[in-house]
């Protein structure tokens, strides 16, 4: 996959030029292998080497350390928590694909591909897109920012929000967890997945790469697009979207809310008080009115 200037622009927005991230490459048939990547050039080399026969996933967070991340034990959560740079949130929407897995269990590769594409074309992911649009509109209304919508080409939609780089949180994972939960309740969404938000468990599809099961591409899309338009967009390699409007957007009200939540959570943890007991809805509305 050759990257033109537009793809580099998007990748720079998502990852920066230099970083310390985990890259996961593989497929269901052959398995997956993790790599430590530190630059866009190295990422490009790995994609060129394995594309399109493999799928590509990258860690959501950059890590402020020179350590080879592959040497860390995933059970050492404190390390990942300490060094992860929480400069973004991603709302991830997934629907149950158990039926597809059951129906394709005895099919060959071509038959599986045809079944999956037919399921997608007939609306398998339509419910996810509906919820994505609902949450997108809520974020725009509540915090005056536009999230970056991405479809992974098979079974997931995402909304990226880039956070204030100056924001300081003592307990970021817990704070973000409760913010996701608040948005889930506020929007009455059923498909938002946020149970595992620890830094090491957050890997996400790289836009522009191809899903081996559907042979659709992970693509940024226009939130106003219809479901058929999103799927048609994902069938083309070219990056045709205008995503400049999403760049460098920060929300002072969101920053204030997260910092207020974090302070309350930190206080309750230090007092050994149940974090779940405080009223986030009340805290949110108080912050909105201030």
C-alpha atoms as a PDB file:
ATOM      1  CA  UNK A   1       0.000   0.000   0.000  1.00  0.00           C
ATOM      2  CA  UNK A   2       1.721   3.153  -1.187  1.00  0.00           C
ATOM      3  CA  UNK A   3       1.090   6.181   0.998  1.00  0.00           C
ATOM      4  CA  UNK A   4       0.559   9.497  -0.751  1.00  0.00           C
ATOM      5  CA  UNK A   5       0.663  12.864   1.003  1.00  0.00           C
ATOM      6  CA  UNK A   6      -2.943  12.579   2.135  1.00  0.00           C
ATOM      7  CA  UNK A   7      -2.403   9.242   3.847  1.00  0.00           C
ATOM      8  CA  UNK A   8       0.757  10.537   5.525  1.00  0.00           C
ATOM      9  CA  UNK A   9      -1.232  13.525   6.732  1.00  0.00           C
ATOM     10  CA  UNK A  10      -3.842  11.260   8.282  1.00  0.00           C
ATOM     11  CA  UNK A  11      -1.245   8.953   9.839  1.00  0.00           C
ATOM     12  CA  UNK A  12       0.617  11.922  11.277  1.00  0.00           C
ATOM     13  CA  UNK A  13      -2.639  13.103  12.838  1.00  0.00           C
ATOM     14  CA  UNK A  14      -3.300   9.678  14.335  1.00  0.00           C
ATOM     15  CA  UNK A  15       0.204   8.623  15.368  1.00  0.00           C
ATOM     16  CA  UNK A  16       2.718  11.445  14.943  1.00  0.00           C
ATOM     17  CA  UNK A  17       5.971  11.001  12.987  1.00  0.00           C
ATOM     18  CA  UNK A  18       7.859   9.257  15.783  1.00  0.00           C
ATOM     19  CA  UNK A  19       6.381   7.194  18.575  1.00  0.00           C
ATOM     20  CA  UNK A  20       6.704   3.989  20.565  1.00  0.00           C
ATOM     21  CA  UNK A  21       3.789   1.720  19.759  1.00  0.00           C
ATOM     22  CA  UNK A  22       2.875  -1.924  19.372  1.00  0.00           C
ATOM     23  CA  UNK A  23       2.025  -3.059  15.838  1.00  0.00           C
ATOM     24  CA  UNK A  24       0.070  -6.320  15.489  1.00  0.00           C
ATOM     25  CA  UNK A  25       0.234  -8.057  12.093  1.00  0.00           C
ATOM     26  CA  UNK A  26      -1.438 -11.272  10.943  1.00  0.00           C
ATOM     27  CA  UNK A  27      -4.741 -12.960  10.233  1.00  0.00           C
ATOM     28  CA  UNK A  28      -6.990 -15.582  11.774  1.00  0.00           C
ATOM     29  CA  UNK A  29      -5.539 -18.382   9.655  1.00  0.00           C
ATOM     30  CA  UNK A  30      -1.837 -17.779  10.381  1.00  0.00           C
ATOM     31  CA  UNK A  31      -2.080 -16.037  13.729  1.00  0.00           C
ATOM     32  CA  UNK A  32      -0.783 -12.625  14.798  1.00  0.00           C
ATOM     33  CA  UNK A  33       2.677 -11.317  15.685  1.00  0.00           C
ATOM     34  CA  UNK A  34       3.487  -8.163  17.648  1.00  0.00           C
ATOM     35  CA  UNK A  35       6.194  -5.705  16.595  1.00  0.00           C
ATOM     36  CA  UNK A  36       7.649  -2.654  18.303  1.00  0.00           C
ATOM     37  CA  UNK A  37       7.407   0.338  15.894  1.00  0.00           C
ATOM     38  CA  UNK A  38       8.846   3.793  16.477  1.00  0.00           C
ATOM     39  CA  UNK A  39       8.215   5.846  13.337  1.00  0.00           C
ATOM     40  CA  UNK A  40       5.932   6.289  10.343  1.00  0.00           C
ATOM     41  CA  UNK A  41       8.747   5.104   8.086  1.00  0.00           C
ATOM     42  CA  UNK A  42       9.046   1.854  10.015  1.00  0.00           C
ATOM     43  CA  UNK A  43       5.271   1.453  10.004  1.00  0.00           C
ATOM     44  CA  UNK A  44       5.253   1.947   6.232  1.00  0.00           C
ATOM     45  CA  UNK A  45       7.975  -0.672   5.781  1.00  0.00           C
ATOM     46  CA  UNK A  46       6.003  -3.248   7.749  1.00  0.00           C
ATOM     47  CA  UNK A  47       2.816  -2.524   5.810  1.00  0.00           C
ATOM     48  CA  UNK A  48       4.644  -2.765   2.473  1.00  0.00           C
ATOM     49  CA  UNK A  49       6.153  -6.086   3.533  1.00  0.00           C
ATOM     50  CA  UNK A  50       2.890  -7.803   4.492  1.00  0.00           C
ATOM     51  CA  UNK A  51       0.090  -5.956   2.666  1.00  0.00           C
ATOM     52  CA  UNK A  52      -2.521  -7.050   1.583  1.00  0.00           C
ATOM     53  CA  UNK A  53      -2.191 -10.620   2.889  1.00  0.00           C
ATOM     54  CA  UNK A  54      -2.171  -9.568   6.549  1.00  0.00           C
ATOM     55  CA  UNK A  55      -4.272  -7.320   8.753  1.00  0.00           C
ATOM     56  CA  UNK A  56      -2.713  -4.438  10.696  1.00  0.00           C
ATOM     57  CA  UNK A  57      -3.542  -3.159  14.164  1.00  0.00           C
ATOM     58  CA  UNK A  58      -1.686  -0.547  16.210  1.00  0.00           C
ATOM     59  CA  UNK A  59      -1.781   0.429  19.871  1.00  0.00           C
ATOM     60  CA  UNK A  60      -4.122   3.303  20.548  1.00  0.00           C
ATOM     61  CA  UNK A  61      -1.575   5.005  22.785  1.00  0.00           C
ATOM     62  CA  UNK A  62       1.985   6.141  22.325  1.00  0.00           C
ATOM     63  CA  UNK A  63       4.308   5.372  25.261  1.00  0.00           C
ATOM     64  CA  UNK A  64       6.727   7.917  26.734  1.00  0.00           C
ATOM     65  CA  UNK A  65       9.615   5.493  27.113  1.00  0.00           C
ATOM     66  CA  UNK A  66      12.399   4.082  24.937  1.00  0.00           C
ATOM     67  CA  UNK A  67      11.737   0.567  26.231  1.00  0.00           C
ATOM     68  CA  UNK A  68      10.940  -2.236  23.816  1.00  0.00           C
ATOM     69  CA  UNK A  69       7.291  -2.693  24.729  1.00  0.00           C
ATOM     70  CA  UNK A  70       7.338  -6.363  23.748  1.00  0.00           C
ATOM     71  CA  UNK A  71       9.554  -7.088  26.754  1.00  0.00           C
ATOM     72  CA  UNK A  72       6.881  -5.930  29.167  1.00  0.00           C
ATOM     73  CA  UNK A  73       4.645  -8.533  30.739  1.00  0.00           C
ATOM     74  CA  UNK A  74       1.010  -7.647  30.047  1.00  0.00           C
ATOM     75  CA  UNK A  75       0.261  -8.477  33.659  1.00  0.00           C
ATOM     76  CA  UNK A  76       2.411  -5.524  34.700  1.00  0.00           C
ATOM     77  CA  UNK A  77      -0.454  -3.091  34.217  1.00  0.00           C
ATOM     78  CA  UNK A  78       1.242  -0.326  36.193  1.00  0.00           C
ATOM     79  CA  UNK A  79       3.948   0.052  33.552  1.00  0.00           C
ATOM     80  CA  UNK A  80       1.498   0.438  30.698  1.00  0.00           C
ATOM     81  CA  UNK A  81      -0.611   2.812  32.759  1.00  0.00           C
ATOM     82  CA  UNK A  82       2.361   4.902  33.834  1.00  0.00           C
ATOM     83  CA  UNK A  83       3.885   5.424  30.382  1.00  0.00           C
ATOM     84  CA  UNK A  84       0.852   5.548  28.095  1.00  0.00           C
ATOM     85  CA  UNK A  85       0.109   8.988  26.674  1.00  0.00           C
ATOM     86  CA  UNK A  86      -3.621   9.510  27.105  1.00  0.00           C
ATOM     87  CA  UNK A  87      -4.049  12.127  24.402  1.00  0.00           C
ATOM     88  CA  UNK A  88      -7.191  10.648  22.829  1.00  0.00           C
ATOM     89  CA  UNK A  89     -10.356   8.712  23.370  1.00  0.00           C
ATOM     90  CA  UNK A  90     -11.887   6.253  20.934  1.00  0.00           C
ATOM     91  CA  UNK A  91     -15.536   5.284  21.097  1.00  0.00           C
ATOM     92  CA  UNK A  92     -15.668   1.756  19.697  1.00  0.00           C
ATOM     93  CA  UNK A  93     -18.914   0.227  18.466  1.00  0.00           C
ATOM     94  CA  UNK A  94     -19.191  -3.511  17.851  1.00  0.00           C
ATOM     95  CA  UNK A  95     -22.131  -5.783  17.168  1.00  0.00           C
ATOM     96  CA  UNK A  96     -22.300  -9.518  17.816  1.00  0.00           C
ATOM     97  CA  UNK A  97     -20.894 -11.543  14.896  1.00  0.00           C
ATOM     98  CA  UNK A  98     -21.506 -14.968  16.447  1.00  0.00           C
ATOM     99  CA  UNK A  99     -24.054 -15.899  13.767  1.00  0.00           C
ATOM    100  CA  UNK A 100     -21.587 -15.087  10.982  1.00  0.00           C
ATOM    101  CA  UNK A 101     -18.908 -17.176  12.667  1.00  0.00           C
ATOM    102  CA  UNK A 102     -21.301 -20.103  13.015  1.00  0.00           C
ATOM    103  CA  UNK A 103     -22.562 -19.834   9.435  1.00  0.00           C
ATOM    104  CA  UNK A 104     -19.045 -19.683   7.963  1.00  0.00           C
ATOM    105  CA  UNK A 105     -17.423 -22.332  10.178  1.00  0.00           C
ATOM    106  CA  UNK A 106     -17.629 -25.028   7.483  1.00  0.00           C
ATOM    107  CA  UNK A 107     -17.154 -22.784   4.434  1.00  0.00           C
ATOM    108  CA  UNK A 108     -13.987 -22.357   2.415  1.00  0.00           C
ATOM    109  CA  UNK A 109     -12.211 -19.004   2.084  1.00  0.00           C
ATOM    110  CA  UNK A 110     -14.110 -17.796  -0.992  1.00  0.00           C
ATOM    111  CA  UNK A 111     -17.477 -18.898   0.368  1.00  0.00           C
ATOM    112  CA  UNK A 112     -16.733 -17.186   3.678  1.00  0.00           C
ATOM    113  CA  UNK A 113     -15.792 -13.958   1.928  1.00  0.00           C
ATOM    114  CA  UNK A 114     -18.973 -14.009  -0.175  1.00  0.00           C
ATOM    115  CA  UNK A 115     -21.164 -14.690   2.872  1.00  0.00           C
ATOM    116  CA  UNK A 116     -19.572 -11.882   4.884  1.00  0.00           C
ATOM    117  CA  UNK A 117     -19.765  -9.334   2.062  1.00  0.00           C
ATOM    118  CA  UNK A 118     -23.382 -10.240   1.394  1.00  0.00           C
ATOM    119  CA  UNK A 119     -24.167  -9.844   5.109  1.00  0.00           C
ATOM    120  CA  UNK A 120     -22.488  -6.433   5.190  1.00  0.00           C
ATOM    121  CA  UNK A 121     -24.229  -5.291   2.001  1.00  0.00           C
ATOM    122  CA  UNK A 122     -27.591  -6.361   3.426  1.00  0.00           C
ATOM    123  CA  UNK A 123     -27.076  -4.224   6.521  1.00  0.00           C
ATOM    124  CA  UNK A 124     -25.106  -6.241   9.065  1.00  0.00           C
ATOM    125  CA  UNK A 125     -23.353  -3.087  10.322  1.00  0.00           C
ATOM    126  CA  UNK A 126     -26.236  -0.641   9.892  1.00  0.00           C
ATOM    127  CA  UNK A 127     -27.189  -0.684  13.576  1.00  0.00           C
ATOM    128  CA  UNK A 128     -23.627   0.269  14.529  1.00  0.00           C
ATOM    129  CA  UNK A 129     -23.598   3.201  12.119  1.00  0.00           C
ATOM    130  CA  UNK A 130     -26.865   4.494  13.566  1.00  0.00           C
ATOM    131  CA  UNK A 131     -25.398   4.512  17.072  1.00  0.00           C
ATOM    132  CA  UNK A 132     -22.164   6.096  15.831  1.00  0.00           C
ATOM    133  CA  UNK A 133     -24.146   8.995  14.384  1.00  0.00           C
ATOM    134  CA  UNK A 134     -26.107   9.418  17.626  1.00  0.00           C
ATOM    135  CA  UNK A 135     -22.946   9.603  19.744  1.00  0.00           C
ATOM    136  CA  UNK A 136     -21.207  11.845  17.189  1.00  0.00           C
ATOM    137  CA  UNK A 137     -24.090  14.326  17.352  1.00  0.00           C
ATOM    138  CA  UNK A 138     -24.082  14.234  21.162  1.00  0.00           C
ATOM    139  CA  UNK A 139     -20.344  14.936  21.310  1.00  0.00           C
ATOM    140  CA  UNK A 140     -20.712  17.832  18.889  1.00  0.00           C
ATOM    141  CA  UNK A 141     -23.646  19.283  20.815  1.00  0.00           C
ATOM    142  CA  UNK A 142     -22.196  18.848  24.302  1.00  0.00           C
ATOM    143  CA  UNK A 143     -18.557  19.725  23.661  1.00  0.00           C
ATOM    144  CA  UNK A 144     -18.515  21.648  20.361  1.00  0.00           C
ATOM    145  CA  UNK A 145     -16.041  19.298  18.676  1.00  0.00           C
ATOM    146  CA  UNK A 146     -16.271  16.942  15.731  1.00  0.00           C
ATOM    147  CA  UNK A 147     -15.093  13.384  16.319  1.00  0.00           C
ATOM    148  CA  UNK A 148     -13.209  11.511  13.576  1.00  0.00           C
ATOM    149  CA  UNK A 149     -15.348   8.575  12.317  1.00  0.00           C
ATOM    150  CA  UNK A 150     -13.592   5.435  11.030  1.00  0.00           C
ATOM    151  CA  UNK A 151     -15.027   2.135   9.771  1.00  0.00           C
ATOM    152  CA  UNK A 152     -12.744  -0.902  10.094  1.00  0.00           C
ATOM    153  CA  UNK A 153     -14.149  -2.696   7.041  1.00  0.00           C
ATOM    154  CA  UNK A 154     -15.923  -5.499   8.865  1.00  0.00           C
ATOM    155  CA  UNK A 155     -17.238  -5.349  12.405  1.00  0.00           C
ATOM    156  CA  UNK A 156     -16.356  -2.064  14.092  1.00  0.00           C
ATOM    157  CA  UNK A 157     -16.988   1.670  13.860  1.00  0.00           C
ATOM    158  CA  UNK A 158     -14.904   4.165  15.830  1.00  0.00           C
ATOM    159  CA  UNK A 159     -15.032   7.827  16.813  1.00  0.00           C
ATOM    160  CA  UNK A 160     -11.706   9.461  17.683  1.00  0.00           C
ATOM    161  CA  UNK A 161     -11.557  12.446  20.030  1.00  0.00           C
ATOM    162  CA  UNK A 162      -8.213  14.171  20.577  1.00  0.00           C
ATOM    163  CA  UNK A 163      -7.722  15.472  24.101  1.00  0.00           C
ATOM    164  CA  UNK A 164      -5.999  18.574  25.400  1.00  0.00           C
ATOM    165  CA  UNK A 165      -2.282  17.794  25.582  1.00  0.00           C
ATOM    166  CA  UNK A 166      -2.010  19.894  28.772  1.00  0.00           C
ATOM    167  CA  UNK A 167      -4.688  17.922  30.584  1.00  0.00           C
ATOM    168  CA  UNK A 168      -3.447  16.138  33.701  1.00  0.00           C
ATOM    169  CA  UNK A 169      -5.319  13.146  35.097  1.00  0.00           C
ATOM    170  CA  UNK A 170      -4.281  11.158  38.152  1.00  0.00           C
ATOM    171  CA  UNK A 171      -6.460   8.173  37.284  1.00  0.00           C
ATOM    172  CA  UNK A 172      -7.004   8.394  33.525  1.00  0.00           C
ATOM    173  CA  UNK A 173      -8.237   4.852  32.844  1.00  0.00           C
ATOM    174  CA  UNK A 174     -10.913   5.010  35.550  1.00  0.00           C
ATOM    175  CA  UNK A 175     -11.910   8.525  34.548  1.00  0.00           C
ATOM    176  CA  UNK A 176     -12.230   7.640  30.873  1.00  0.00           C
ATOM    177  CA  UNK A 177     -14.135   4.476  31.782  1.00  0.00           C
ATOM    178  CA  UNK A 178     -16.782   6.470  33.615  1.00  0.00           C
ATOM    179  CA  UNK A 179     -16.943   9.031  30.836  1.00  0.00           C
ATOM    180  CA  UNK A 180     -17.618   6.273  28.297  1.00  0.00           C
ATOM    181  CA  UNK A 181     -20.256   4.911  30.655  1.00  0.00           C
ATOM    182  CA  UNK A 182     -21.862   8.314  30.971  1.00  0.00           C
ATOM    183  CA  UNK A 183     -22.011   8.711  27.174  1.00  0.00           C
ATOM    184  CA  UNK A 184     -23.440   5.198  26.866  1.00  0.00           C
ATOM    185  CA  UNK A 185     -26.281   6.125  29.226  1.00  0.00           C
ATOM    186  CA  UNK A 186     -26.729   9.616  27.782  1.00  0.00           C
ATOM    187  CA  UNK A 187     -27.090   8.308  24.213  1.00  0.00           C
ATOM    188  CA  UNK A 188     -28.798   5.026  25.159  1.00  0.00           C
ATOM    189  CA  UNK A 189     -26.316   3.097  23.035  1.00  0.00           C
ATOM    190  CA  UNK A 190     -26.099  -0.692  23.246  1.00  0.00           C
ATOM    191  CA  UNK A 191     -23.036  -1.344  21.090  1.00  0.00           C
ATOM    192  CA  UNK A 192     -20.404   0.910  22.674  1.00  0.00           C
ATOM    193  CA  UNK A 193     -17.529  -1.261  23.938  1.00  0.00           C
ATOM    194  CA  UNK A 194     -15.307   0.107  26.681  1.00  0.00           C
ATOM    195  CA  UNK A 195     -14.939  -2.668  29.259  1.00  0.00           C
ATOM    196  CA  UNK A 196     -11.226  -3.180  28.575  1.00  0.00           C
ATOM    197  CA  UNK A 197      -9.616   0.221  28.283  1.00  0.00           C
ATOM    198  CA  UNK A 198      -6.280  -0.609  29.882  1.00  0.00           C
ATOM    199  CA  UNK A 199      -3.447   0.714  27.703  1.00  0.00           C
ATOM    200  CA  UNK A 200      -2.107  -2.691  26.649  1.00  0.00           C
ATOM    201  CA  UNK A 201      -5.487  -3.997  25.478  1.00  0.00           C
ATOM    202  CA  UNK A 202      -6.259  -1.118  23.169  1.00  0.00           C
ATOM    203  CA  UNK A 203      -5.179  -2.053  19.659  1.00  0.00           C
ATOM    204  CA  UNK A 204      -7.075  -0.632  16.709  1.00  0.00           C
ATOM    205  CA  UNK A 205      -7.231  -1.169  12.943  1.00  0.00           C
ATOM    206  CA  UNK A 206      -4.922   1.031  10.865  1.00  0.00           C
ATOM    207  CA  UNK A 207      -6.933   3.058   8.312  1.00  0.00           C
ATOM    208  CA  UNK A 208      -6.138   2.204   4.712  1.00  0.00           C
ATOM    209  CA  UNK A 209      -5.433  -1.446   5.430  1.00  0.00           C
ATOM    210  CA  UNK A 210      -7.705  -4.238   4.272  1.00  0.00           C
ATOM    211  CA  UNK A 211      -9.787  -6.632   6.315  1.00  0.00           C
ATOM    212  CA  UNK A 212      -9.009 -10.152   5.089  1.00  0.00           C
ATOM    213  CA  UNK A 213     -12.513 -11.456   5.804  1.00  0.00           C
ATOM    214  CA  UNK A 214     -14.522  -8.791   3.960  1.00  0.00           C
ATOM    215  CA  UNK A 215     -11.771  -7.396   1.701  1.00  0.00           C
ATOM    216  CA  UNK A 216     -13.052  -3.945   2.570  1.00  0.00           C
ATOM    217  CA  UNK A 217     -10.677  -1.176   3.640  1.00  0.00           C
ATOM    218  CA  UNK A 218     -10.627   0.617   6.941  1.00  0.00           C
ATOM    219  CA  UNK A 219     -11.592   4.165   6.024  1.00  0.00           C
ATOM    220  CA  UNK A 220     -12.392   7.570   7.443  1.00  0.00           C
ATOM    221  CA  UNK A 221     -15.905   8.480   6.300  1.00  0.00           C
ATOM    222  CA  UNK A 222     -18.288  11.427   6.312  1.00  0.00           C
ATOM    223  CA  UNK A 223     -20.696  11.219   9.237  1.00  0.00           C
ATOM    224  CA  UNK A 224     -23.499  12.332   6.898  1.00  0.00           C
ATOM    225  CA  UNK A 225     -22.941   9.344   4.589  1.00  0.00           C
ATOM    226  CA  UNK A 226     -25.675   6.741   4.247  1.00  0.00           C
ATOM    227  CA  UNK A 227     -24.897   3.111   5.043  1.00  0.00           C
ATOM    228  CA  UNK A 228     -24.468   2.142   1.364  1.00  0.00           C
ATOM    229  CA  UNK A 229     -22.131   5.133   0.904  1.00  0.00           C
ATOM    230  CA  UNK A 230     -19.960   4.043   3.846  1.00  0.00           C
ATOM    231  CA  UNK A 231     -19.656   0.514   2.447  1.00  0.00           C
ATOM    232  CA  UNK A 232     -18.946   1.809  -1.066  1.00  0.00           C
ATOM    233  CA  UNK A 233     -16.265   4.106   0.341  1.00  0.00           C
ATOM    234  CA  UNK A 234     -14.707   1.133   2.158  1.00  0.00           C
ATOM    235  CA  UNK A 235     -14.494  -0.820  -1.108  1.00  0.00           C
ATOM    236  CA  UNK A 236     -11.946   1.673  -2.548  1.00  0.00           C
ATOM    237  CA  UNK A 237      -8.304   2.010  -1.519  1.00  0.00           C
ATOM    238  CA  UNK A 238      -8.113   5.712  -2.258  1.00  0.00           C
ATOM    239  CA  UNK A 239      -8.421   8.221   0.552  1.00  0.00           C
ATOM    240  CA  UNK A 240     -11.154  10.503  -0.754  1.00  0.00           C
ATOM    241  CA  UNK A 241     -12.384  12.026   2.488  1.00  0.00           C
ATOM    242  CA  UNK A 242     -11.904  15.576   3.641  1.00  0.00           C
ATOM    243  CA  UNK A 243     -10.841  15.164   7.259  1.00  0.00           C
ATOM    244  CA  UNK A 244      -9.071  18.500   7.855  1.00  0.00           C
ATOM    245  CA  UNK A 245     -12.000  19.756   9.911  1.00  0.00           C
ATOM    246  CA  UNK A 246     -11.159  17.211  12.599  1.00  0.00           C
ATOM    247  CA  UNK A 247      -7.579  18.269  13.133  1.00  0.00           C
ATOM    248  CA  UNK A 248      -6.396  20.025  16.286  1.00  0.00           C
ATOM    249  CA  UNK A 249      -9.876  20.281  17.746  1.00  0.00           C
ATOM    250  CA  UNK A 250      -9.903  20.585  21.512  1.00  0.00           C
ATOM    251  CA  UNK A 251     -12.818  21.194  23.849  1.00  0.00           C
ATOM    252  CA  UNK A 252     -12.248  23.286  27.022  1.00  0.00           C
ATOM    253  CA  UNK A 253     -15.560  22.029  28.448  1.00  0.00           C
ATOM    254  CA  UNK A 254     -14.565  18.395  27.921  1.00  0.00           C
ATOM    255  CA  UNK A 255     -11.151  19.035  29.481  1.00  0.00           C
ATOM    256  CA  UNK A 256     -12.755  20.661  32.522  1.00  0.00           C
ATOM    257  CA  UNK A 257     -15.251  17.845  32.904  1.00  0.00           C
ATOM    258  CA  UNK A 258     -12.614  15.106  32.731  1.00  0.00           C
ATOM    259  CA  UNK A 259     -10.341  16.917  35.179  1.00  0.00           C
ATOM    260  CA  UNK A 260     -13.268  17.436  37.576  1.00  0.00           C
ATOM    261  CA  UNK A 261     -14.221  13.780  37.315  1.00  0.00           C
ATOM    262  CA  UNK A 262     -10.624  12.741  37.888  1.00  0.00           C
ATOM    263  CA  UNK A 263     -10.316  14.877  41.028  1.00  0.00           C
ATOM    264  CA  UNK A 264     -13.481  13.387  42.475  1.00  0.00           C
ATOM    265  CA  UNK A 265     -12.393   9.855  41.618  1.00  0.00           C
ATOM    266  CA  UNK A 266      -8.918  10.434  43.081  1.00  0.00           C
ATOM    267  CA  UNK A 267     -10.445  11.794  46.285  1.00  0.00           C
ATOM    268  CA  UNK A 268     -12.760   8.846  46.654  1.00  0.00           C
ATOM    269  CA  UNK A 269      -9.962   6.360  46.004  1.00  0.00           C
ATOM    270  CA  UNK A 270      -7.776   8.024  48.655  1.00  0.00           C
ATOM    271  CA  UNK A 271     -10.702   7.967  51.101  1.00  0.00           C
ATOM    272  CA  UNK A 272     -11.442   4.323  50.195  1.00  0.00           C
ATOM    273  CA  UNK A 273     -14.921   5.399  49.128  1.00  0.00           C
ATOM    274  CA  UNK A 274     -16.872   3.567  46.461  1.00  0.00           C
ATOM    275  CA  UNK A 275     -16.108   5.320  43.186  1.00  0.00           C
ATOM    276  CA  UNK A 276     -19.339   4.039  41.651  1.00  0.00           C
ATOM    277  CA  UNK A 277     -21.453   5.860  44.211  1.00  0.00           C
ATOM    278  CA  UNK A 278     -20.944   9.416  42.980  1.00  0.00           C
ATOM    279  CA  UNK A 279     -23.489  10.945  40.613  1.00  0.00           C
ATOM    280  CA  UNK A 280     -21.705  11.547  37.316  1.00  0.00           C
ATOM    281  CA  UNK A 281     -24.852  12.932  35.696  1.00  0.00           C
ATOM    282  CA  UNK A 282     -25.076  15.591  38.404  1.00  0.00           C
ATOM    283  CA  UNK A 283     -21.362  16.339  38.114  1.00  0.00           C
ATOM    284  CA  UNK A 284     -21.680  16.655  34.360  1.00  0.00           C
ATOM    285  CA  UNK A 285     -24.583  19.073  34.495  1.00  0.00           C
ATOM    286  CA  UNK A 286     -22.905  21.154  37.179  1.00  0.00           C
ATOM    287  CA  UNK A 287     -19.841  21.447  34.973  1.00  0.00           C
ATOM    288  CA  UNK A 288     -21.981  22.358  31.940  1.00  0.00           C
ATOM    289  CA  UNK A 289     -23.668  25.172  33.857  1.00  0.00           C
ATOM    290  CA  UNK A 290     -20.425  26.649  35.213  1.00  0.00           C
END
